[in-house]
C-alpha atoms as a PDB file:
ATOM      1  CA  UNK A   1     -34.194   4.967  11.999  1.00  0.00           C
ATOM      2  CA  UNK A   2     -32.624   5.694  15.442  1.00  0.00           C
ATOM      3  CA  UNK A   3     -32.998   2.105  16.342  1.00  0.00           C
ATOM      4  CA  UNK A   4     -31.217   1.045  13.088  1.00  0.00           C
ATOM      5  CA  UNK A   5     -28.417   3.498  13.927  1.00  0.00           C
ATOM      6  CA  UNK A   6     -27.736   2.062  17.295  1.00  0.00           C
ATOM      7  CA  UNK A   7     -28.006  -1.418  15.921  1.00  0.00           C
ATOM      8  CA  UNK A   8     -25.212  -0.655  13.570  1.00  0.00           C
ATOM      9  CA  UNK A   9     -23.179   1.257  15.969  1.00  0.00           C
ATOM     10  CA  UNK A  10     -22.964  -1.174  18.898  1.00  0.00           C
ATOM     11  CA  UNK A  11     -21.422  -4.054  17.026  1.00  0.00           C
ATOM     12  CA  UNK A  12     -18.795  -1.791  15.536  1.00  0.00           C
ATOM     13  CA  UNK A  13     -17.803  -0.417  18.926  1.00  0.00           C
ATOM     14  CA  UNK A  14     -17.293  -3.901  20.213  1.00  0.00           C
ATOM     15  CA  UNK A  15     -14.759  -4.767  17.607  1.00  0.00           C
ATOM     16  CA  UNK A  16     -12.810  -1.496  17.401  1.00  0.00           C
ATOM     17  CA  UNK A  17      -9.122  -1.869  18.195  1.00  0.00           C
ATOM     18  CA  UNK A  18      -5.853   0.059  17.763  1.00  0.00           C
ATOM     19  CA  UNK A  19      -2.687  -1.000  16.008  1.00  0.00           C
ATOM     20  CA  UNK A  20       0.617   0.628  15.133  1.00  0.00           C
ATOM     21  CA  UNK A  21       1.818   0.753  11.453  1.00  0.00           C
ATOM     22  CA  UNK A  22       5.270  -0.734  11.146  1.00  0.00           C
ATOM     23  CA  UNK A  23       8.188   1.715  10.773  1.00  0.00           C
ATOM     24  CA  UNK A  24       6.137   4.817  10.762  1.00  0.00           C
ATOM     25  CA  UNK A  25       4.459   4.079  13.983  1.00  0.00           C
ATOM     26  CA  UNK A  26       1.180   5.593  13.104  1.00  0.00           C
ATOM     27  CA  UNK A  27      -1.879   4.642  15.218  1.00  0.00           C
ATOM     28  CA  UNK A  28      -4.503   2.704  13.233  1.00  0.00           C
ATOM     29  CA  UNK A  29      -8.087   1.985  14.025  1.00  0.00           C
ATOM     30  CA  UNK A  30      -9.075  -1.571  13.101  1.00  0.00           C
ATOM     31  CA  UNK A  31     -12.423  -3.268  12.958  1.00  0.00           C
ATOM     32  CA  UNK A  32     -11.209  -6.319  10.962  1.00  0.00           C
ATOM     33  CA  UNK A  33      -9.205  -9.099  12.560  1.00  0.00           C
ATOM     34  CA  UNK A  34      -5.895 -10.418  10.842  1.00  0.00           C
ATOM     35  CA  UNK A  35      -7.688 -13.615   9.991  1.00  0.00           C
ATOM     36  CA  UNK A  36     -10.565 -11.848   8.339  1.00  0.00           C
ATOM     37  CA  UNK A  37      -8.041  -9.726   6.379  1.00  0.00           C
ATOM     38  CA  UNK A  38      -6.162 -12.787   5.163  1.00  0.00           C
ATOM     39  CA  UNK A  39      -9.442 -14.412   4.095  1.00  0.00           C
ATOM     40  CA  UNK A  40     -10.196 -11.311   1.917  1.00  0.00           C
ATOM     41  CA  UNK A  41      -6.759 -11.800   0.312  1.00  0.00           C
ATOM     42  CA  UNK A  42      -7.293 -15.464  -0.534  1.00  0.00           C
ATOM     43  CA  UNK A  43     -10.662 -14.823  -2.010  1.00  0.00           C
ATOM     44  CA  UNK A  44      -9.311 -12.035  -4.124  1.00  0.00           C
ATOM     45  CA  UNK A  45      -6.420 -14.186  -5.288  1.00  0.00           C
ATOM     46  CA  UNK A  46      -8.700 -16.981  -6.336  1.00  0.00           C
ATOM     47  CA  UNK A  47     -10.551 -14.504  -8.606  1.00  0.00           C
ATOM     48  CA  UNK A  48      -7.297 -13.064 -10.045  1.00  0.00           C
ATOM     49  CA  UNK A  49      -5.795 -16.434 -10.846  1.00  0.00           C
ATOM     50  CA  UNK A  50      -9.225 -17.347 -12.518  1.00  0.00           C
ATOM     51  CA  UNK A  51      -9.284 -14.218 -14.771  1.00  0.00           C
ATOM     52  CA  UNK A  52      -5.721 -13.189 -15.280  1.00  0.00           C
ATOM     53  CA  UNK A  53      -3.028 -14.745 -17.457  1.00  0.00           C
ATOM     54  CA  UNK A  54       0.193 -15.457 -15.609  1.00  0.00           C
ATOM     55  CA  UNK A  55       3.482 -14.792 -17.429  1.00  0.00           C
ATOM     56  CA  UNK A  56       5.429 -17.735 -18.941  1.00  0.00           C
ATOM     57  CA  UNK A  57       8.630 -15.609 -19.045  1.00  0.00           C
ATOM     58  CA  UNK A  58      10.724 -17.776 -16.796  1.00  0.00           C
ATOM     59  CA  UNK A  59      13.536 -15.208 -16.319  1.00  0.00           C
ATOM     60  CA  UNK A  60      11.117 -12.428 -15.453  1.00  0.00           C
ATOM     61  CA  UNK A  61       9.230 -14.619 -12.995  1.00  0.00           C
ATOM     62  CA  UNK A  62      12.383 -15.737 -11.249  1.00  0.00           C
ATOM     63  CA  UNK A  63      13.666 -12.249 -11.104  1.00  0.00           C
ATOM     64  CA  UNK A  64      10.407 -11.008  -9.435  1.00  0.00           C
ATOM     65  CA  UNK A  65      10.603 -13.901  -7.053  1.00  0.00           C
ATOM     66  CA  UNK A  66      14.196 -13.373  -6.108  1.00  0.00           C
ATOM     67  CA  UNK A  67      13.815  -9.606  -5.437  1.00  0.00           C
ATOM     68  CA  UNK A  68      10.468 -10.159  -3.715  1.00  0.00           C
ATOM     69  CA  UNK A  69      11.899 -12.778  -1.294  1.00  0.00           C
ATOM     70  CA  UNK A  70      14.789 -10.420  -0.389  1.00  0.00           C
ATOM     71  CA  UNK A  71      12.306  -7.720   0.500  1.00  0.00           C
ATOM     72  CA  UNK A  72      10.090 -10.232   2.435  1.00  0.00           C
ATOM     73  CA  UNK A  73      13.107 -11.429   4.477  1.00  0.00           C
ATOM     74  CA  UNK A  74      13.717  -7.807   5.497  1.00  0.00           C
ATOM     75  CA  UNK A  75      10.187  -7.596   7.057  1.00  0.00           C
ATOM     76  CA  UNK A  76      11.037 -10.345   9.502  1.00  0.00           C
ATOM     77  CA  UNK A  77       7.513 -11.769   9.069  1.00  0.00           C
ATOM     78  CA  UNK A  78       7.239 -15.400   8.122  1.00  0.00           C
ATOM     79  CA  UNK A  79       4.192 -15.150   5.916  1.00  0.00           C
ATOM     80  CA  UNK A  80       3.356 -17.418   3.034  1.00  0.00           C
ATOM     81  CA  UNK A  81       5.007 -15.030   0.643  1.00  0.00           C
ATOM     82  CA  UNK A  82       4.219 -15.587  -3.050  1.00  0.00           C
ATOM     83  CA  UNK A  83       5.060 -13.665  -6.051  1.00  0.00           C
ATOM     84  CA  UNK A  84       3.222 -13.721  -9.491  1.00  0.00           C
ATOM     85  CA  UNK A  85       3.891 -11.985 -12.810  1.00  0.00           C
ATOM     86  CA  UNK A  86       0.624 -11.044 -14.778  1.00  0.00           C
ATOM     87  CA  UNK A  87       1.133 -11.077 -18.506  1.00  0.00           C
ATOM     88  CA  UNK A  88      -0.075  -7.528 -19.393  1.00  0.00           C
ATOM     89  CA  UNK A  89       2.606  -5.546 -21.234  1.00  0.00           C
ATOM     90  CA  UNK A  90       0.396  -2.466 -21.429  1.00  0.00           C
ATOM     91  CA  UNK A  91      -0.468  -2.292 -17.665  1.00  0.00           C
ATOM     92  CA  UNK A  92       2.239  -0.790 -15.529  1.00  0.00           C
ATOM     93  CA  UNK A  93       0.905  -1.857 -12.107  1.00  0.00           C
ATOM     94  CA  UNK A  94       1.522  -4.160  -9.124  1.00  0.00           C
ATOM     95  CA  UNK A  95      -0.230  -4.886  -5.930  1.00  0.00           C
ATOM     96  CA  UNK A  96       0.059  -7.098  -2.834  1.00  0.00           C
ATOM     97  CA  UNK A  97      -2.884  -8.921  -1.311  1.00  0.00           C
ATOM     98  CA  UNK A  98      -3.481  -9.016   2.504  1.00  0.00           C
ATOM     99  CA  UNK A  99      -2.209 -12.617   2.563  1.00  0.00           C
ATOM    100  CA  UNK A 100       1.274 -11.499   1.460  1.00  0.00           C
ATOM    101  CA  UNK A 101       0.790 -12.585  -2.222  1.00  0.00           C
ATOM    102  CA  UNK A 102       2.277 -10.130  -4.588  1.00  0.00           C
ATOM    103  CA  UNK A 103       1.150  -9.608  -8.271  1.00  0.00           C
ATOM    104  CA  UNK A 104       3.450  -7.614 -10.638  1.00  0.00           C
ATOM    105  CA  UNK A 105       2.126  -6.719 -14.158  1.00  0.00           C
ATOM    106  CA  UNK A 106       4.581  -7.181 -16.907  1.00  0.00           C
ATOM    107  CA  UNK A 107       3.927  -3.681 -18.143  1.00  0.00           C
ATOM    108  CA  UNK A 108       5.741  -2.127 -15.208  1.00  0.00           C
ATOM    109  CA  UNK A 109       9.045  -3.449 -16.459  1.00  0.00           C
ATOM    110  CA  UNK A 110       9.429  -0.806 -19.110  1.00  0.00           C
ATOM    111  CA  UNK A 111      10.009   1.780 -16.334  1.00  0.00           C
ATOM    112  CA  UNK A 112      12.524  -0.500 -14.459  1.00  0.00           C
ATOM    113  CA  UNK A 113      16.203  -0.409 -15.372  1.00  0.00           C
ATOM    114  CA  UNK A 114      17.646  -2.592 -12.527  1.00  0.00           C
ATOM    115  CA  UNK A 115      16.682  -4.760  -9.531  1.00  0.00           C
ATOM    116  CA  UNK A 116      16.738  -1.874  -7.124  1.00  0.00           C
ATOM    117  CA  UNK A 117      14.069  -0.177  -9.123  1.00  0.00           C
ATOM    118  CA  UNK A 118      11.984  -3.405  -9.070  1.00  0.00           C
ATOM    119  CA  UNK A 119      12.598  -3.615  -5.388  1.00  0.00           C
ATOM    120  CA  UNK A 120      11.063  -0.089  -5.128  1.00  0.00           C
ATOM    121  CA  UNK A 121       7.771  -1.290  -6.529  1.00  0.00           C
ATOM    122  CA  UNK A 122       7.683  -4.556  -4.699  1.00  0.00           C
ATOM    123  CA  UNK A 123       8.738  -3.038  -1.335  1.00  0.00           C
ATOM    124  CA  UNK A 124       6.039  -0.407  -1.688  1.00  0.00           C
ATOM    125  CA  UNK A 125       3.396  -3.257  -2.268  1.00  0.00           C
ATOM    126  CA  UNK A 126       4.711  -5.335   0.548  1.00  0.00           C
ATOM    127  CA  UNK A 127       4.456  -2.235   2.740  1.00  0.00           C
ATOM    128  CA  UNK A 128       0.830  -2.181   2.190  1.00  0.00           C
ATOM    129  CA  UNK A 129       0.572  -5.632   3.365  1.00  0.00           C
ATOM    130  CA  UNK A 130       2.572  -5.505   6.544  1.00  0.00           C
ATOM    131  CA  UNK A 131       0.804  -2.265   7.544  1.00  0.00           C
ATOM    132  CA  UNK A 132      -2.499  -4.086   7.215  1.00  0.00           C
ATOM    133  CA  UNK A 133      -3.813  -1.333   4.881  1.00  0.00           C
ATOM    134  CA  UNK A 134      -6.711  -3.605   3.484  1.00  0.00           C
ATOM    135  CA  UNK A 135      -8.002  -4.152   6.986  1.00  0.00           C
ATOM    136  CA  UNK A 136      -7.637  -0.303   7.615  1.00  0.00           C
ATOM    137  CA  UNK A 137      -9.502   0.587   4.451  1.00  0.00           C
ATOM    138  CA  UNK A 138     -12.316  -1.746   5.274  1.00  0.00           C
ATOM    139  CA  UNK A 139     -12.402  -0.293   8.813  1.00  0.00           C
ATOM    140  CA  UNK A 140     -12.558   3.237   7.438  1.00  0.00           C
ATOM    141  CA  UNK A 141     -15.342   2.318   5.066  1.00  0.00           C
ATOM    142  CA  UNK A 142     -17.349   0.850   7.978  1.00  0.00           C
ATOM    143  CA  UNK A 143     -16.840   4.033  10.082  1.00  0.00           C
ATOM    144  CA  UNK A 144     -17.663   6.259   6.985  1.00  0.00           C
ATOM    145  CA  UNK A 145     -20.758   4.255   6.370  1.00  0.00           C
ATOM    146  CA  UNK A 146     -21.879   4.665  10.051  1.00  0.00           C
ATOM    147  CA  UNK A 147     -21.157   8.434   9.832  1.00  0.00           C
ATOM    148  CA  UNK A 148     -23.289   8.609   6.675  1.00  0.00           C
ATOM    149  CA  UNK A 149     -26.150   6.686   8.285  1.00  0.00           C
ATOM    150  CA  UNK A 150     -26.037   9.233  11.291  1.00  0.00           C
ATOM    151  CA  UNK A 151     -26.201  12.092   8.708  1.00  0.00           C
ATOM    152  CA  UNK A 152     -28.924  10.545   6.823  1.00  0.00           C
ATOM    153  CA  UNK A 153     -31.021  10.144  10.024  1.00  0.00           C
ATOM    154  CA  UNK A 154     -30.435  13.834  10.777  1.00  0.00           C
ATOM    155  CA  UNK A 155     -31.341  14.938   7.274  1.00  0.00           C
ATOM    156  CA  UNK A 156     -34.416  12.712   7.302  1.00  0.00           C
ATOM    157  CA  UNK A 157     -35.664  14.295  10.548  1.00  0.00           C
ATOM    158  CA  UNK A 158     -34.915  17.967   9.605  1.00  0.00           C
ATOM    159  CA  UNK A 159     -35.749  18.211   5.834  1.00  0.00           C
ATOM    160  CA  UNK A 160     -39.155  17.340   4.464  1.00  0.00           C
ATOM    161  CA  UNK A 161     -38.637  18.206   0.773  1.00  0.00           C
ATOM    162  CA  UNK A 162     -37.590  15.108  -1.123  1.00  0.00           C
ATOM    163  CA  UNK A 163     -35.587  17.104  -3.651  1.00  0.00           C
ATOM    164  CA  UNK A 164     -33.718  18.841  -0.980  1.00  0.00           C
ATOM    165  CA  UNK A 165     -33.014  15.599   0.924  1.00  0.00           C
ATOM    166  CA  UNK A 166     -31.563  14.151  -2.347  1.00  0.00           C
ATOM    167  CA  UNK A 167     -29.332  17.224  -2.818  1.00  0.00           C
ATOM    168  CA  UNK A 168     -28.102  16.987   0.803  1.00  0.00           C
ATOM    169  CA  UNK A 169     -27.238  13.352   0.427  1.00  0.00           C
ATOM    170  CA  UNK A 170     -25.431  13.881  -2.899  1.00  0.00           C
ATOM    171  CA  UNK A 171     -23.360  16.585  -1.228  1.00  0.00           C
ATOM    172  CA  UNK A 172     -22.728  14.250   1.743  1.00  0.00           C
ATOM    173  CA  UNK A 173     -21.425  11.541  -0.508  1.00  0.00           C
ATOM    174  CA  UNK A 174     -19.239  13.840  -2.506  1.00  0.00           C
ATOM    175  CA  UNK A 175     -17.790  15.445   0.729  1.00  0.00           C
ATOM    176  CA  UNK A 176     -17.095  12.077   2.271  1.00  0.00           C
ATOM    177  CA  UNK A 177     -15.295  10.887  -0.899  1.00  0.00           C
ATOM    178  CA  UNK A 178     -13.212  14.071  -1.356  1.00  0.00           C
ATOM    179  CA  UNK A 179     -12.728  14.844   2.323  1.00  0.00           C
ATOM    180  CA  UNK A 180     -12.264  11.406   3.862  1.00  0.00           C
ATOM    181  CA  UNK A 181     -11.848   8.408   1.580  1.00  0.00           C
ATOM    182  CA  UNK A 182      -9.514   9.796  -1.043  1.00  0.00           C
ATOM    183  CA  UNK A 183      -7.188  11.700   1.400  1.00  0.00           C
ATOM    184  CA  UNK A 184      -7.002   8.525   3.463  1.00  0.00           C
ATOM    185  CA  UNK A 185      -6.091   6.483   0.519  1.00  0.00           C
ATOM    186  CA  UNK A 186      -3.376   8.870  -0.423  1.00  0.00           C
ATOM    187  CA  UNK A 187      -1.984   8.893   3.062  1.00  0.00           C
ATOM    188  CA  UNK A 188      -1.683   5.064   2.945  1.00  0.00           C
ATOM    189  CA  UNK A 189       0.028   5.223  -0.343  1.00  0.00           C
ATOM    190  CA  UNK A 190       2.551   7.642   1.137  1.00  0.00           C
ATOM    191  CA  UNK A 191       3.011   5.399   4.019  1.00  0.00           C
ATOM    192  CA  UNK A 192       3.735   2.428   1.804  1.00  0.00           C
ATOM    193  CA  UNK A 193       6.356   4.493   0.004  1.00  0.00           C
ATOM    194  CA  UNK A 194       7.903   5.318   3.372  1.00  0.00           C
ATOM    195  CA  UNK A 195       7.845   1.749   4.588  1.00  0.00           C
ATOM    196  CA  UNK A 196       8.938   0.339   1.241  1.00  0.00           C
ATOM    197  CA  UNK A 197      11.955   2.680   1.040  1.00  0.00           C
ATOM    198  CA  UNK A 198      13.210   1.511   4.453  1.00  0.00           C
ATOM    199  CA  UNK A 199      12.582  -2.130   3.533  1.00  0.00           C
ATOM    200  CA  UNK A 200      14.545  -1.986   0.275  1.00  0.00           C
ATOM    201  CA  UNK A 201      17.361  -0.238   1.977  1.00  0.00           C
ATOM    202  CA  UNK A 202      17.447  -3.035   4.675  1.00  0.00           C
ATOM    203  CA  UNK A 203      17.344  -5.583   1.887  1.00  0.00           C
ATOM    204  CA  UNK A 204      20.543  -4.014   0.441  1.00  0.00           C
ATOM    205  CA  UNK A 205      18.918  -2.328  -2.565  1.00  0.00           C
ATOM    206  CA  UNK A 206      20.160   1.179  -3.023  1.00  0.00           C
ATOM    207  CA  UNK A 207      17.276   3.409  -1.912  1.00  0.00           C
ATOM    208  CA  UNK A 208      18.305   6.219  -4.325  1.00  0.00           C
ATOM    209  CA  UNK A 209      17.041   4.072  -7.091  1.00  0.00           C
ATOM    210  CA  UNK A 210      13.556   4.697  -5.790  1.00  0.00           C
ATOM    211  CA  UNK A 211      13.688   8.354  -6.884  1.00  0.00           C
ATOM    212  CA  UNK A 212      15.026   7.376 -10.394  1.00  0.00           C
ATOM    213  CA  UNK A 213      12.143   5.032 -10.796  1.00  0.00           C
ATOM    214  CA  UNK A 214       9.467   7.550  -9.778  1.00  0.00           C
ATOM    215  CA  UNK A 215      11.110  10.193 -12.049  1.00  0.00           C
ATOM    216  CA  UNK A 216      11.010   7.790 -14.941  1.00  0.00           C
ATOM    217  CA  UNK A 217       7.400   6.677 -14.140  1.00  0.00           C
ATOM    218  CA  UNK A 218       6.155  10.343 -13.882  1.00  0.00           C
ATOM    219  CA  UNK A 219       7.114  10.836 -17.570  1.00  0.00           C
ATOM    220  CA  UNK A 220       4.274   8.532 -18.693  1.00  0.00           C
ATOM    221  CA  UNK A 221       1.956  11.481 -17.779  1.00  0.00           C
ATOM    222  CA  UNK A 222      -1.853  10.936 -17.543  1.00  0.00           C
ATOM    223  CA  UNK A 223      -1.953  11.614 -13.693  1.00  0.00           C
ATOM    224  CA  UNK A 224      -5.412  12.843 -12.477  1.00  0.00           C
ATOM    225  CA  UNK A 225      -5.729  15.865 -10.301  1.00  0.00           C
ATOM    226  CA  UNK A 226      -4.455  14.847  -6.869  1.00  0.00           C
ATOM    227  CA  UNK A 227      -7.683  15.905  -5.069  1.00  0.00           C
ATOM    228  CA  UNK A 228      -9.552  13.439  -7.183  1.00  0.00           C
ATOM    229  CA  UNK A 229      -6.966  10.621  -6.928  1.00  0.00           C
ATOM    230  CA  UNK A 230      -6.339   7.619  -4.676  1.00  0.00           C
ATOM    231  CA  UNK A 231      -2.670   8.244  -4.967  1.00  0.00           C
ATOM    232  CA  UNK A 232      -0.288  11.318  -4.392  1.00  0.00           C
ATOM    233  CA  UNK A 233       1.320  12.704  -7.497  1.00  0.00           C
ATOM    234  CA  UNK A 234       4.683  11.566  -8.584  1.00  0.00           C
ATOM    235  CA  UNK A 235       6.244  14.972  -7.670  1.00  0.00           C
ATOM    236  CA  UNK A 236       4.805  14.572  -4.139  1.00  0.00           C
ATOM    237  CA  UNK A 237       6.127  11.057  -3.820  1.00  0.00           C
ATOM    238  CA  UNK A 238       9.627  12.085  -5.039  1.00  0.00           C
ATOM    239  CA  UNK A 239       9.641  15.034  -2.462  1.00  0.00           C
ATOM    240  CA  UNK A 240       8.813  12.720   0.270  1.00  0.00           C
ATOM    241  CA  UNK A 241      11.427  10.094  -0.788  1.00  0.00           C
ATOM    242  CA  UNK A 242      14.055  12.791  -0.890  1.00  0.00           C
ATOM    243  CA  UNK A 243      13.107  13.896   2.584  1.00  0.00           C
ATOM    244  CA  UNK A 244      13.355  10.304   3.945  1.00  0.00           C
ATOM    245  CA  UNK A 245      16.517   9.525   1.979  1.00  0.00           C
ATOM    246  CA  UNK A 246      19.089  10.239   4.712  1.00  0.00           C
ATOM    247  CA  UNK A 247      17.343   7.862   7.088  1.00  0.00           C
ATOM    248  CA  UNK A 248      17.198   5.173   4.255  1.00  0.00           C
ATOM    249  CA  UNK A 249      20.863   5.556   3.420  1.00  0.00           C
ATOM    250  CA  UNK A 250      21.807   5.233   7.023  1.00  0.00           C
ATOM    251  CA  UNK A 251      19.968   1.894   7.172  1.00  0.00           C
ATOM    252  CA  UNK A 252      21.567   0.898   3.900  1.00  0.00           C
ATOM    253  CA  UNK A 253      24.903   1.376   5.349  1.00  0.00           C
ATOM    254  CA  UNK A 254      24.106  -0.058   8.681  1.00  0.00           C
ATOM    255  CA  UNK A 255      23.025  -3.265   6.897  1.00  0.00           C
ATOM    256  CA  UNK A 256      26.463  -3.624   5.365  1.00  0.00           C
ATOM    257  CA  UNK A 257      25.255  -2.817   1.920  1.00  0.00           C
ATOM    258  CA  UNK A 258      26.826   0.502   0.809  1.00  0.00           C
ATOM    259  CA  UNK A 259      29.714   1.041   3.285  1.00  0.00           C
ATOM    260  CA  UNK A 260      32.496  -0.049   0.851  1.00  0.00           C
ATOM    261  CA  UNK A 261      31.494   2.522  -1.783  1.00  0.00           C
ATOM    262  CA  UNK A 262      30.217   5.649  -0.212  1.00  0.00           C
ATOM    263  CA  UNK A 263      27.953   7.649  -2.396  1.00  0.00           C
ATOM    264  CA  UNK A 264      27.786   4.997  -4.978  1.00  0.00           C
ATOM    265  CA  UNK A 265      24.867   2.609  -5.902  1.00  0.00           C
ATOM    266  CA  UNK A 266      25.552  -0.893  -4.639  1.00  0.00           C
ATOM    267  CA  UNK A 267      22.171  -2.294  -5.598  1.00  0.00           C
ATOM    268  CA  UNK A 268      23.251  -5.349  -7.451  1.00  0.00           C
ATOM    269  CA  UNK A 269      25.366  -6.742  -4.628  1.00  0.00           C
ATOM    270  CA  UNK A 270      23.571  -9.454  -2.661  1.00  0.00           C
ATOM    271  CA  UNK A 271      23.967  -9.228   1.184  1.00  0.00           C
ATOM    272  CA  UNK A 272      26.276 -11.969   2.591  1.00  0.00           C
ATOM    273  CA  UNK A 273      23.405 -13.079   4.895  1.00  0.00           C
ATOM    274  CA  UNK A 274      19.638 -12.648   4.898  1.00  0.00           C
ATOM    275  CA  UNK A 275      18.622  -9.048   6.063  1.00  0.00           C
ATOM    276  CA  UNK A 276      17.591  -8.714   9.617  1.00  0.00           C
ATOM    277  CA  UNK A 277      13.963  -7.661  10.349  1.00  0.00           C
ATOM    278  CA  UNK A 278      13.493  -3.874  10.110  1.00  0.00           C
ATOM    279  CA  UNK A 279      10.301  -3.899  12.090  1.00  0.00           C
ATOM    280  CA  UNK A 280       7.107  -5.765  12.487  1.00  0.00           C
ATOM    281  CA  UNK A 281       3.455  -4.568  12.760  1.00  0.00           C
ATOM    282  CA  UNK A 282       1.943  -4.306  16.220  1.00  0.00           C
ATOM    283  CA  UNK A 283      -1.511  -5.950  16.221  1.00  0.00           C
END
């Protein structure tokens, strides 16, 4: 078992690298290269396009693409951005793959009143992509598995009773999930909210509409207990957005979006020129 542990540990240590998340500047541990991360995205995309029905609503598809590209320009990254709408009226969801391809479920539109609120959703998902959260999640899973292997070796060497071993291993799995995996996921969701708010402001979408979206979305209910969830609660998200709002509004005004009408939403006014990059990931 010890030989197996070191056989797993050495290759991981050789590929560990550090990165900085865009906008937040948080230090990240990466064990996955950008090319590997993109390959995961393309593989997932193939499966999605094979199994999901894309919307034929031309107006909705064009709207999603228009809003998405405006957010994408604000990132300053020349990725192969693509935007799809999945025809699922009862599914209020969206996600962005590691290759920069965004999928929006038609069901999210029942909670969206204007383009700025659609930008809230899309900027959040694009935030995940430019922060390389897929690579970070895979890296965290690798480190968690390594720690679990080390713990299993320790339990195996110290505990003889098979029933006790099983109990210890079950407790270890639950502890890792509640104490590491889920909190880490919630942190990345909050970071995507942070990044997304700044991106939408830079793209000239009124960031105050983000709070209105989450307030409306929260009314659908059925949120799980936070400690057992991969996402923060709507109330937590709203509180964070309110705290970040002064910074987002400053970016909004500096981008020439809201300076003419102080204190009023200007979310439907397109910028006279493509927005400048707000920040790029350090890899």
